[in-house]
Amino acid sequence: MAKLLTIGQLASYCGVTVRAVRHYHRAGLLPEPGRDNSGYRRYGAQAVVDLVRIKVLADAGVPLAQVSHLLNADPDEFGAAVAGIDEALQHQIGQLEHRRRQLAGLLAGDQLVLPSQVAEMLSALREMGVSEQGVQIERDGWILLAALSPEVVPQWTRQKRAALADPEFRRIYLAYDQARDWDPADPRLKPLADRTVEWMANRHDAVIGARPSTLLSEPNVILVAQLMDAESAYTSPALNRLAELCRSQLNSPAQPPRHHGSSQDMTEQPDLANVTDQISQLLPESTASSSNDPTPRPPGRPRRKQPKRS
């Protein structure tokens, strides 16, 4: 077959540079033809085939030393090698797609740093009318919990979504969100505390189900609450007062009565430890209630540190 192509034409047709063709000559990958009467190297069809194969393998990330071996391999060895290269490329594609999703997550917000079910729940809070500050506090607690004790997240997400499906819980949650900026002496706090304790005593099991075993004593879970407590920027005197009122309700001899139809008799006192644990477990920012601190944490809010008195 006649050799008609110049080195420039060969390079252009195969999508490489003239410099690359010369490099492949020096590396022994592409045979270097002789020159014609005009002093130019001329290439034929086989050079095109060889150069395309070299380029495809090199573009796939195969080292040039291995390219030389593959070009001289028998069909079975060459086929096995190509299959291995394809598998490696599929893995790289998966990694690139994951990076693309992460990049898109920069615009999607919460999904970049949280499990999808938690991110969806935060979106539902926004749609429900919770303030952005309230959503951010909620988000921070879930991030810490997911980082330190990810095994807890699925169960608590299901329980939180179940609670948010209850109209009275949603009303209480929104009231807490609004109460953050109230004065600690606001008369509306006492009725809100009453509603909170009553909901936990009368509605928790019906909405969420019987309280399963928890990891409230898990050190990492406790650490989440401690870290949230350290975020003084999110503290609220009004919400701290709400916590005190709830504690007062739980410690009071006169507990809120259970509704008719409850599994407990109306005259039976609710288990205070259970009610406190239920309040604590429901929301990740306030998971670490301890035996010496029975204060039920407000929904979605960390416990406020008490200022030192001089």
C-alpha atoms as a PDB file:
ATOM      1  CA  MET A   1       0.000   0.000   0.000  1.00  0.00           C
ATOM      2  CA  ALA A   2       1.353   3.418  -0.963  1.00  0.00           C
ATOM      3  CA  LYS A   3       2.507   5.736   1.790  1.00  0.00           C
ATOM      4  CA  LEU A   4       0.999   9.132   1.131  1.00  0.00           C
ATOM      5  CA  LEU A   5       0.508  10.871   4.485  1.00  0.00           C
ATOM      6  CA  THR A   6       2.925  13.399   5.906  1.00  0.00           C
ATOM      7  CA  ILE A   7       3.564  13.415   9.638  1.00  0.00           C
ATOM      8  CA  GLY A   8       1.284  16.462   9.990  1.00  0.00           C
ATOM      9  CA  GLN A   9      -1.545  14.783   8.100  1.00  0.00           C
ATOM     10  CA  LEU A  10      -1.161  11.607  10.147  1.00  0.00           C
ATOM     11  CA  ALA A  11      -1.224  13.531  13.410  1.00  0.00           C
ATOM     12  CA  SER A  12      -4.247  15.601  12.376  1.00  0.00           C
ATOM     13  CA  TYR A  13      -6.243  12.562  11.243  1.00  0.00           C
ATOM     14  CA  CYS A  14      -5.572  10.634  14.472  1.00  0.00           C
ATOM     15  CA  GLY A  15      -6.147  13.611  16.786  1.00  0.00           C
ATOM     16  CA  VAL A  16      -2.636  13.973  18.179  1.00  0.00           C
ATOM     17  CA  THR A  17       0.171  16.465  17.784  1.00  0.00           C
ATOM     18  CA  VAL A  18       3.228  16.102  15.567  1.00  0.00           C
ATOM     19  CA  ARG A  19       5.285  16.255  18.752  1.00  0.00           C
ATOM     20  CA  ALA A  20       3.376  13.233  20.111  1.00  0.00           C
ATOM     21  CA  VAL A  21       4.047  11.240  16.918  1.00  0.00           C
ATOM     22  CA  ARG A  22       7.748  11.949  17.252  1.00  0.00           C
ATOM     23  CA  HIS A  23       7.637  10.962  20.930  1.00  0.00           C
ATOM     24  CA  TYR A  24       6.036   7.633  20.011  1.00  0.00           C
ATOM     25  CA  HIS A  25       8.810   7.127  17.458  1.00  0.00           C
ATOM     26  CA  ARG A  26      11.483   7.665  20.123  1.00  0.00           C
ATOM     27  CA  ALA A  27       9.653   5.381  22.563  1.00  0.00           C
ATOM     28  CA  GLY A  28       9.584   2.599  19.985  1.00  0.00           C
ATOM     29  CA  LEU A  29       5.780   2.454  19.887  1.00  0.00           C
ATOM     30  CA  LEU A  30       5.321   3.630  16.312  1.00  0.00           C
ATOM     31  CA  PRO A  31       7.706   2.499  13.552  1.00  0.00           C
ATOM     32  CA  GLU A  32       9.484   5.410  11.922  1.00  0.00           C
ATOM     33  CA  PRO A  33       9.209   5.266   8.117  1.00  0.00           C
ATOM     34  CA  GLY A  34      11.928   6.185   5.720  1.00  0.00           C
ATOM     35  CA  ARG A  35      11.961   9.477   3.852  1.00  0.00           C
ATOM     36  CA  ASP A  36      10.852  10.005   0.270  1.00  0.00           C
ATOM     37  CA  ASN A  37      12.852  11.697  -2.488  1.00  0.00           C
ATOM     38  CA  SER A  38      11.819  15.080  -1.117  1.00  0.00           C
ATOM     39  CA  GLY A  39      13.160  14.249   2.333  1.00  0.00           C
ATOM     40  CA  TYR A  40       9.717  13.835   3.995  1.00  0.00           C
ATOM     41  CA  ARG A  41       8.543  10.849   5.991  1.00  0.00           C
ATOM     42  CA  ARG A  42       5.446   9.298   4.496  1.00  0.00           C
ATOM     43  CA  TYR A  43       2.924   7.166   6.386  1.00  0.00           C
ATOM     44  CA  GLY A  44       0.458   4.568   5.182  1.00  0.00           C
ATOM     45  CA  ALA A  45      -2.771   3.005   6.512  1.00  0.00           C
ATOM     46  CA  GLN A  46      -1.015   0.754   9.004  1.00  0.00           C
ATOM     47  CA  ALA A  47       0.548   3.770  10.685  1.00  0.00           C
ATOM     48  CA  VAL A  48      -2.944   5.194  11.138  1.00  0.00           C
ATOM     49  CA  VAL A  49      -4.136   1.947  12.755  1.00  0.00           C
ATOM     50  CA  ASP A  50      -1.115   1.739  15.041  1.00  0.00           C
ATOM     51  CA  LEU A  51      -1.296   5.393  16.084  1.00  0.00           C
ATOM     52  CA  VAL A  52      -5.027   5.215  16.872  1.00  0.00           C
ATOM     53  CA  ARG A  53      -4.455   2.147  19.053  1.00  0.00           C
ATOM     54  CA  ILE A  54      -1.607   3.907  20.865  1.00  0.00           C
ATOM     55  CA  LYS A  55      -3.701   7.023  21.416  1.00  0.00           C
ATOM     56  CA  VAL A  56      -6.747   5.107  22.731  1.00  0.00           C
ATOM     57  CA  LEU A  57      -4.652   3.132  25.201  1.00  0.00           C
ATOM     58  CA  ALA A  58      -2.697   6.192  26.329  1.00  0.00           C
ATOM     59  CA  ASP A  59      -5.888   8.240  26.746  1.00  0.00           C
ATOM     60  CA  ALA A  60      -7.285   5.421  28.902  1.00  0.00           C
ATOM     61  CA  GLY A  61      -4.373   5.921  31.272  1.00  0.00           C
ATOM     62  CA  VAL A  62      -2.284   2.939  30.220  1.00  0.00           C
ATOM     63  CA  PRO A  63       1.452   3.644  30.782  1.00  0.00           C
ATOM     64  CA  LEU A  64       3.438   3.773  27.556  1.00  0.00           C
ATOM     65  CA  ALA A  65       5.592   0.846  28.675  1.00  0.00           C
ATOM     66  CA  GLN A  66       2.449  -1.279  28.941  1.00  0.00           C
ATOM     67  CA  VAL A  67       1.146   0.069  25.624  1.00  0.00           C
ATOM     68  CA  SER A  68       4.208  -1.324  23.895  1.00  0.00           C
ATOM     69  CA  HIS A  69       3.554  -4.757  25.412  1.00  0.00           C
ATOM     70  CA  LEU A  70      -0.142  -4.732  24.508  1.00  0.00           C
ATOM     71  CA  LEU A  71       0.497  -3.795  20.895  1.00  0.00           C
ATOM     72  CA  ASN A  72       2.478  -6.998  20.534  1.00  0.00           C
ATOM     73  CA  ALA A  73       0.198  -9.214  22.644  1.00  0.00           C
ATOM     74  CA  ASP A  74      -1.858 -12.088  21.256  1.00  0.00           C
ATOM     75  CA  PRO A  75      -5.631 -11.511  20.863  1.00  0.00           C
ATOM     76  CA  ASP A  76      -6.609 -13.268  24.115  1.00  0.00           C
ATOM     77  CA  GLU A  77      -4.123 -11.306  26.229  1.00  0.00           C
ATOM     78  CA  PHE A  78      -5.049  -8.069  24.492  1.00  0.00           C
ATOM     79  CA  GLY A  79      -8.776  -8.700  25.070  1.00  0.00           C
ATOM     80  CA  ALA A  80      -8.252  -9.451  28.763  1.00  0.00           C
ATOM     81  CA  ALA A  81      -6.165  -6.323  29.163  1.00  0.00           C
ATOM     82  CA  VAL A  82      -8.807  -4.153  27.473  1.00  0.00           C
ATOM     83  CA  ALA A  83     -11.490  -5.608  29.775  1.00  0.00           C
ATOM     84  CA  GLY A  84      -9.371  -4.697  32.807  1.00  0.00           C
ATOM     85  CA  ILE A  85      -8.838  -1.186  31.496  1.00  0.00           C
ATOM     86  CA  ASP A  86     -12.589  -0.820  30.926  1.00  0.00           C
ATOM     87  CA  GLU A  87     -13.331  -1.917  34.508  1.00  0.00           C
ATOM     88  CA  ALA A  88     -10.871   0.653  35.843  1.00  0.00           C
ATOM     89  CA  LEU A  89     -12.501   3.339  33.720  1.00  0.00           C
ATOM     90  CA  GLN A  90     -15.946   2.409  35.052  1.00  0.00           C
ATOM     91  CA  HIS A  91     -14.598   2.857  38.586  1.00  0.00           C
ATOM     92  CA  GLN A  92     -13.202   6.255  37.647  1.00  0.00           C
ATOM     93  CA  ILE A  93     -16.532   7.214  36.103  1.00  0.00           C
ATOM     94  CA  GLY A  94     -18.275   6.297  39.348  1.00  0.00           C
ATOM     95  CA  GLN A  95     -15.876   8.493  41.285  1.00  0.00           C
ATOM     96  CA  LEU A  96     -16.412  11.381  38.882  1.00  0.00           C
ATOM     97  CA  GLU A  97     -20.184  11.031  39.110  1.00  0.00           C
ATOM     98  CA  HIS A  98     -19.886  11.094  42.899  1.00  0.00           C
ATOM     99  CA  ARG A  99     -17.833  14.281  42.666  1.00  0.00           C
ATOM    100  CA  ARG A 100     -20.455  15.786  40.379  1.00  0.00           C
ATOM    101  CA  ARG A 101     -23.159  14.996  42.921  1.00  0.00           C
ATOM    102  CA  GLN A 102     -21.030  16.586  45.636  1.00  0.00           C
ATOM    103  CA  LEU A 103     -20.540  19.649  43.447  1.00  0.00           C
ATOM    104  CA  ALA A 104     -24.290  19.869  42.873  1.00  0.00           C
ATOM    105  CA  GLY A 105     -24.682  19.525  46.625  1.00  0.00           C
ATOM    106  CA  LEU A 106     -22.932  22.864  47.047  1.00  0.00           C
ATOM    107  CA  LEU A 107     -26.060  24.361  45.506  1.00  0.00           C
ATOM    108  CA  ALA A 108     -28.455  21.914  47.161  1.00  0.00           C
ATOM    109  CA  GLY A 109     -27.357  22.935  50.650  1.00  0.00           C
ATOM    110  CA  ASP A 110     -28.091  20.397  53.397  1.00  0.00           C
ATOM    111  CA  GLN A 111     -27.765  17.278  51.220  1.00  0.00           C
ATOM    112  CA  LEU A 112     -24.009  17.784  50.972  1.00  0.00           C
ATOM    113  CA  VAL A 113     -23.471  17.213  54.694  1.00  0.00           C
ATOM    114  CA  LEU A 114     -26.488  15.184  55.811  1.00  0.00           C
ATOM    115  CA  PRO A 115     -28.261  11.939  54.925  1.00  0.00           C
ATOM    116  CA  SER A 116     -30.963  12.528  52.342  1.00  0.00           C
ATOM    117  CA  GLN A 117     -33.810  11.710  54.738  1.00  0.00           C
ATOM    118  CA  VAL A 118     -32.591  14.350  57.198  1.00  0.00           C
ATOM    119  CA  ALA A 119     -32.135  16.941  54.449  1.00  0.00           C
ATOM    120  CA  GLU A 120     -35.695  16.259  53.270  1.00  0.00           C
ATOM    121  CA  MET A 121     -36.954  16.702  56.819  1.00  0.00           C
ATOM    122  CA  LEU A 122     -35.203  20.061  57.106  1.00  0.00           C
ATOM    123  CA  SER A 123     -36.868  21.130  53.857  1.00  0.00           C
ATOM    124  CA  ALA A 124     -40.195  20.103  55.357  1.00  0.00           C
ATOM    125  CA  LEU A 125     -39.476  22.302  58.400  1.00  0.00           C
ATOM    126  CA  ARG A 126     -38.910  25.276  56.106  1.00  0.00           C
ATOM    127  CA  GLU A 127     -42.158  24.572  54.290  1.00  0.00           C
ATOM    128  CA  MET A 128     -43.880  24.275  57.661  1.00  0.00           C
ATOM    129  CA  GLY A 129     -42.868  27.843  58.465  1.00  0.00           C
ATOM    130  CA  VAL A 130     -39.945  27.294  60.831  1.00  0.00           C
ATOM    131  CA  SER A 131     -37.524  30.213  60.812  1.00  0.00           C
ATOM    132  CA  GLU A 132     -34.194  29.795  59.064  1.00  0.00           C
ATOM    133  CA  GLN A 133     -32.427  30.181  62.395  1.00  0.00           C
ATOM    134  CA  GLY A 134     -34.521  27.346  63.804  1.00  0.00           C
ATOM    135  CA  VAL A 135     -33.744  25.146  60.800  1.00  0.00           C
ATOM    136  CA  GLN A 136     -30.023  25.897  61.121  1.00  0.00           C
ATOM    137  CA  ILE A 137     -30.029  24.922  64.797  1.00  0.00           C
ATOM    138  CA  GLU A 138     -31.816  21.696  63.899  1.00  0.00           C
ATOM    139  CA  ARG A 139     -29.376  21.071  61.051  1.00  0.00           C
ATOM    140  CA  ASP A 140     -26.310  21.568  63.248  1.00  0.00           C
ATOM    141  CA  GLY A 141     -27.540  19.023  65.748  1.00  0.00           C
ATOM    142  CA  TRP A 142     -28.164  16.415  63.049  1.00  0.00           C
ATOM    143  CA  ILE A 143     -24.725  17.025  61.515  1.00  0.00           C
ATOM    144  CA  LEU A 144     -23.026  16.399  64.843  1.00  0.00           C
ATOM    145  CA  LEU A 145     -25.150  13.340  65.511  1.00  0.00           C
ATOM    146  CA  ALA A 146     -24.529  11.898  62.034  1.00  0.00           C
ATOM    147  CA  ALA A 147     -20.784  12.438  62.402  1.00  0.00           C
ATOM    148  CA  LEU A 148     -20.487  10.932  65.886  1.00  0.00           C
ATOM    149  CA  SER A 149     -23.237   8.297  66.046  1.00  0.00           C
ATOM    150  CA  PRO A 150     -24.574   7.622  62.527  1.00  0.00           C
ATOM    151  CA  GLU A 151     -26.258   4.401  63.655  1.00  0.00           C
ATOM    152  CA  VAL A 152     -28.768   6.470  65.652  1.00  0.00           C
ATOM    153  CA  VAL A 153     -29.824   8.722  62.774  1.00  0.00           C
ATOM    154  CA  PRO A 154     -32.281   6.434  60.876  1.00  0.00           C
ATOM    155  CA  GLN A 155     -34.337   5.614  63.981  1.00  0.00           C
ATOM    156  CA  TRP A 156     -34.464   9.185  65.239  1.00  0.00           C
ATOM    157  CA  THR A 157     -35.269  10.502  61.777  1.00  0.00           C
ATOM    158  CA  ARG A 158     -38.280   8.188  61.570  1.00  0.00           C
ATOM    159  CA  GLN A 159     -39.438   9.274  65.027  1.00  0.00           C
ATOM    160  CA  LYS A 160     -38.989  12.956  64.240  1.00  0.00           C
ATOM    161  CA  ARG A 161     -40.923  12.656  60.978  1.00  0.00           C
ATOM    162  CA  ALA A 162     -43.687  10.783  62.789  1.00  0.00           C
ATOM    163  CA  ALA A 163     -43.894  13.546  65.381  1.00  0.00           C
ATOM    164  CA  LEU A 164     -43.977  16.249  62.711  1.00  0.00           C
ATOM    165  CA  ALA A 165     -46.900  14.453  61.090  1.00  0.00           C
ATOM    166  CA  ASP A 166     -48.928  15.151  64.253  1.00  0.00           C
ATOM    167  CA  PRO A 167     -50.731  18.529  64.009  1.00  0.00           C
ATOM    168  CA  GLU A 168     -50.404  19.343  67.714  1.00  0.00           C
ATOM    169  CA  PHE A 169     -46.665  18.623  67.704  1.00  0.00           C
ATOM    170  CA  ARG A 170     -46.235  20.900  64.688  1.00  0.00           C
ATOM    171  CA  ARG A 171     -48.067  23.665  66.509  1.00  0.00           C
ATOM    172  CA  ILE A 172     -45.872  23.202  69.574  1.00  0.00           C
ATOM    173  CA  TYR A 173     -42.730  23.129  67.438  1.00  0.00           C
ATOM    174  CA  LEU A 174     -43.661  26.362  65.673  1.00  0.00           C
ATOM    175  CA  ALA A 175     -44.507  27.949  69.016  1.00  0.00           C
ATOM    176  CA  TYR A 176     -41.037  27.083  70.331  1.00  0.00           C
ATOM    177  CA  ASP A 177     -39.502  28.571  67.219  1.00  0.00           C
ATOM    178  CA  GLN A 178     -41.409  31.814  67.782  1.00  0.00           C
ATOM    179  CA  ALA A 179     -40.729  31.800  71.530  1.00  0.00           C
ATOM    180  CA  ARG A 180     -36.970  31.980  71.059  1.00  0.00           C
ATOM    181  CA  ASP A 181     -37.089  35.761  71.052  1.00  0.00           C
ATOM    182  CA  TRP A 182     -39.720  36.166  73.745  1.00  0.00           C
ATOM    183  CA  ASP A 183     -38.994  37.698  77.112  1.00  0.00           C
ATOM    184  CA  PRO A 184     -38.371  35.022  79.788  1.00  0.00           C
ATOM    185  CA  ALA A 185     -41.244  36.546  81.773  1.00  0.00           C
ATOM    186  CA  ASP A 186     -43.693  36.275  78.869  1.00  0.00           C
ATOM    187  CA  PRO A 187     -46.972  34.815  80.202  1.00  0.00           C
ATOM    188  CA  ARG A 188     -47.328  32.685  77.069  1.00  0.00           C
ATOM    189  CA  LEU A 189     -44.456  30.433  78.170  1.00  0.00           C
ATOM    190  CA  LYS A 190     -46.390  28.674  80.938  1.00  0.00           C
ATOM    191  CA  PRO A 191     -49.251  27.451  78.694  1.00  0.00           C
ATOM    192  CA  LEU A 192     -46.682  26.344  76.110  1.00  0.00           C
ATOM    193  CA  ALA A 193     -44.818  24.325  78.739  1.00  0.00           C
ATOM    194  CA  ASP A 194     -48.110  22.743  79.791  1.00  0.00           C
ATOM    195  CA  ARG A 195     -48.863  21.760  76.193  1.00  0.00           C
ATOM    196  CA  THR A 196     -45.372  20.296  75.771  1.00  0.00           C
ATOM    197  CA  VAL A 197     -45.536  18.061  78.819  1.00  0.00           C
ATOM    198  CA  GLU A 198     -49.107  17.038  78.039  1.00  0.00           C
ATOM    199  CA  TRP A 199     -48.182  16.062  74.484  1.00  0.00           C
ATOM    200  CA  MET A 200     -45.254  13.970  75.651  1.00  0.00           C
ATOM    201  CA  ALA A 201     -47.328  12.300  78.362  1.00  0.00           C
ATOM    202  CA  ASN A 202     -50.420  11.632  76.253  1.00  0.00           C
ATOM    203  CA  ARG A 203     -49.474  11.602  72.576  1.00  0.00           C
ATOM    204  CA  HIS A 204     -45.864  10.428  72.254  1.00  0.00           C
ATOM    205  CA  ASP A 205     -46.500   6.688  72.240  1.00  0.00           C
ATOM    206  CA  ALA A 206     -49.592   6.999  70.054  1.00  0.00           C
ATOM    207  CA  VAL A 207     -47.758   9.069  67.422  1.00  0.00           C
ATOM    208  CA  ILE A 208     -44.292   7.544  67.498  1.00  0.00           C
ATOM    209  CA  GLY A 209     -44.874   4.157  69.086  1.00  0.00           C
ATOM    210  CA  ALA A 210     -43.619   2.605  72.265  1.00  0.00           C
ATOM    211  CA  ARG A 211     -40.246   3.911  73.319  1.00  0.00           C
ATOM    212  CA  PRO A 212     -37.577   1.456  72.106  1.00  0.00           C
ATOM    213  CA  SER A 213     -34.176   0.972  73.627  1.00  0.00           C
ATOM    214  CA  THR A 214     -32.044   4.036  73.070  1.00  0.00           C
ATOM    215  CA  LEU A 215     -28.441   5.106  73.054  1.00  0.00           C
ATOM    216  CA  LEU A 216     -28.950   8.053  75.364  1.00  0.00           C
ATOM    217  CA  SER A 217     -25.996   6.949  77.480  1.00  0.00           C
ATOM    218  CA  GLU A 218     -23.719   6.580  74.457  1.00  0.00           C
ATOM    219  CA  PRO A 219     -20.716   8.920  74.996  1.00  0.00           C
ATOM    220  CA  ASN A 220     -20.827  10.262  71.441  1.00  0.00           C
ATOM    221  CA  VAL A 221     -24.528  11.060  71.759  1.00  0.00           C
ATOM    222  CA  ILE A 222     -23.891  12.861  75.018  1.00  0.00           C
ATOM    223  CA  LEU A 223     -21.068  14.760  73.332  1.00  0.00           C
ATOM    224  CA  VAL A 224     -23.485  16.039  70.693  1.00  0.00           C
ATOM    225  CA  ALA A 225     -25.573  17.710  73.379  1.00  0.00           C
ATOM    226  CA  GLN A 226     -22.461  19.098  75.043  1.00  0.00           C
ATOM    227  CA  LEU A 227     -21.234  20.582  71.784  1.00  0.00           C
ATOM    228  CA  MET A 228     -24.635  22.104  71.117  1.00  0.00           C
ATOM    229  CA  ASP A 229     -24.707  23.540  74.613  1.00  0.00           C
ATOM    230  CA  ALA A 230     -21.351  25.186  73.910  1.00  0.00           C
ATOM    231  CA  GLU A 231     -22.866  27.113  71.012  1.00  0.00           C
ATOM    232  CA  SER A 232     -23.808  30.119  73.112  1.00  0.00           C
ATOM    233  CA  ALA A 233     -24.960  32.011  70.046  1.00  0.00           C
ATOM    234  CA  TYR A 234     -27.998  29.762  69.881  1.00  0.00           C
ATOM    235  CA  THR A 235     -29.070  30.123  73.483  1.00  0.00           C
ATOM    236  CA  SER A 236     -32.356  31.756  74.427  1.00  0.00           C
ATOM    237  CA  PRO A 237     -33.450  32.913  77.904  1.00  0.00           C
ATOM    238  CA  ALA A 238     -37.065  32.291  76.930  1.00  0.00           C
ATOM    239  CA  LEU A 239     -36.429  28.703  75.828  1.00  0.00           C
ATOM    240  CA  ASN A 240     -34.378  28.106  78.939  1.00  0.00           C
ATOM    241  CA  ARG A 241     -37.336  29.327  80.979  1.00  0.00           C
ATOM    242  CA  LEU A 242     -39.560  26.921  79.033  1.00  0.00           C
ATOM    243  CA  ALA A 243     -37.267  24.067  80.021  1.00  0.00           C
ATOM    244  CA  GLU A 244     -37.510  25.101  83.673  1.00  0.00           C
ATOM    245  CA  LEU A 245     -41.298  25.204  83.462  1.00  0.00           C
ATOM    246  CA  CYS A 246     -41.389  21.741  81.904  1.00  0.00           C
ATOM    247  CA  ARG A 247     -39.146  20.417  84.648  1.00  0.00           C
ATOM    248  CA  SER A 248     -41.387  21.998  87.239  1.00  0.00           C
ATOM    249  CA  GLN A 249     -44.373  20.280  85.648  1.00  0.00           C
ATOM    250  CA  LEU A 250     -42.644  16.892  85.697  1.00  0.00           C
ATOM    251  CA  ASN A 251     -41.571  17.284  89.309  1.00  0.00           C
ATOM    252  CA  SER A 252     -44.958  18.549  90.432  1.00  0.00           C
ATOM    253  CA  PRO A 253     -47.237  16.100  92.306  1.00  0.00           C
ATOM    254  CA  ALA A 254     -50.104  17.111  90.034  1.00  0.00           C
ATOM    255  CA  GLN A 255     -49.232  15.747  86.606  1.00  0.00           C
ATOM    256  CA  PRO A 256     -51.271  16.545  83.505  1.00  0.00           C
ATOM    257  CA  PRO A 257     -54.036  13.934  83.122  1.00  0.00           C
ATOM    258  CA  ARG A 258     -53.931  11.439  80.326  1.00  0.00           C
ATOM    259  CA  HIS A 259     -56.663  11.594  77.731  1.00  0.00           C
ATOM    260  CA  HIS A 260     -59.503   9.109  77.758  1.00  0.00           C
ATOM    261  CA  GLY A 261     -58.670   5.953  75.873  1.00  0.00           C
ATOM    262  CA  SER A 262     -55.064   5.890  77.080  1.00  0.00           C
ATOM    263  CA  SER A 263     -53.544   2.599  78.111  1.00  0.00           C
ATOM    264  CA  GLN A 264     -52.965   4.162  81.529  1.00  0.00           C
ATOM    265  CA  ASP A 265     -55.711   5.079  83.926  1.00  0.00           C
ATOM    266  CA  MET A 266     -56.279   8.814  84.246  1.00  0.00           C
ATOM    267  CA  THR A 267     -55.408   8.685  87.914  1.00  0.00           C
ATOM    268  CA  GLU A 268     -52.095   6.910  87.294  1.00  0.00           C
ATOM    269  CA  GLN A 269     -49.031   9.140  87.275  1.00  0.00           C
ATOM    270  CA  PRO A 270     -46.859   8.970  84.119  1.00  0.00           C
ATOM    271  CA  ASP A 271     -43.335   7.634  84.410  1.00  0.00           C
ATOM    272  CA  LEU A 272     -41.313  10.858  84.706  1.00  0.00           C
ATOM    273  CA  ALA A 273     -38.078   9.254  83.575  1.00  0.00           C
ATOM    274  CA  ASN A 274     -39.813   7.891  80.480  1.00  0.00           C
ATOM    275  CA  VAL A 275     -41.392  11.229  79.638  1.00  0.00           C
ATOM    276  CA  THR A 276     -38.056  12.989  80.058  1.00  0.00           C
ATOM    277  CA  ASP A 277     -36.296  10.414  77.891  1.00  0.00           C
ATOM    278  CA  GLN A 278     -39.000  10.754  75.242  1.00  0.00           C
ATOM    279  CA  ILE A 279     -38.539  14.510  75.079  1.00  0.00           C
ATOM    280  CA  SER A 280     -34.781  14.067  74.909  1.00  0.00           C
ATOM    281  CA  GLN A 281     -34.802  11.298  72.316  1.00  0.00           C
ATOM    282  CA  LEU A 282     -37.174  13.025  69.946  1.00  0.00           C
ATOM    283  CA  LEU A 283     -34.712  15.704  68.896  1.00  0.00           C
ATOM    284  CA  PRO A 284     -31.002  15.236  68.222  1.00  0.00           C
ATOM    285  CA  GLU A 285     -29.831  18.540  69.667  1.00  0.00           C
ATOM    286  CA  SER A 286     -31.070  17.503  73.089  1.00  0.00           C
ATOM    287  CA  THR A 287     -30.370  13.810  73.314  1.00  0.00           C
ATOM    288  CA  ALA A 288     -28.205  13.705  76.426  1.00  0.00           C
ATOM    289  CA  SER A 289     -30.581  14.075  79.309  1.00  0.00           C
ATOM    290  CA  SER A 290     -28.916  12.720  82.425  1.00  0.00           C
ATOM    291  CA  SER A 291     -30.120  11.478  85.774  1.00  0.00           C
ATOM    292  CA  ASN A 292     -29.004  14.650  87.502  1.00  0.00           C
ATOM    293  CA  ASP A 293     -30.579  16.901  84.870  1.00  0.00           C
ATOM    294  CA  PRO A 294     -34.171  15.846  84.235  1.00  0.00           C
ATOM    295  CA  THR A 295     -35.025  18.989  82.294  1.00  0.00           C
ATOM    296  CA  PRO A 296     -36.831  18.084  79.063  1.00  0.00           C
ATOM    297  CA  ARG A 297     -35.148  19.959  76.262  1.00  0.00           C
ATOM    298  CA  PRO A 298     -37.314  22.148  74.027  1.00  0.00           C
ATOM    299  CA  PRO A 299     -37.985  20.702  70.583  1.00  0.00           C
ATOM    300  CA  GLY A 300     -35.004  21.389  68.356  1.00  0.00           C
ATOM    301  CA  ARG A 301     -33.171  23.546  70.845  1.00  0.00           C
ATOM    302  CA  PRO A 302     -30.074  22.957  73.001  1.00  0.00           C
ATOM    303  CA  ARG A 303     -30.081  23.473  76.741  1.00  0.00           C
ATOM    304  CA  ARG A 304     -28.998  26.949  77.693  1.00  0.00           C
ATOM    305  CA  LYS A 305     -26.056  27.196  80.068  1.00  0.00           C
ATOM    306  CA  GLN A 306     -26.811  28.942  83.302  1.00  0.00           C
ATOM    307  CA  PRO A 307     -24.801  32.160  83.816  1.00  0.00           C
ATOM    308  CA  LYS A 308     -22.532  32.250  86.817  1.00  0.00           C
ATOM    309  CA  ARG A 309     -23.726  34.476  89.613  1.00  0.00           C
ATOM    310  CA  SER A 310     -21.274  36.853  91.170  1.00  0.00           C
END
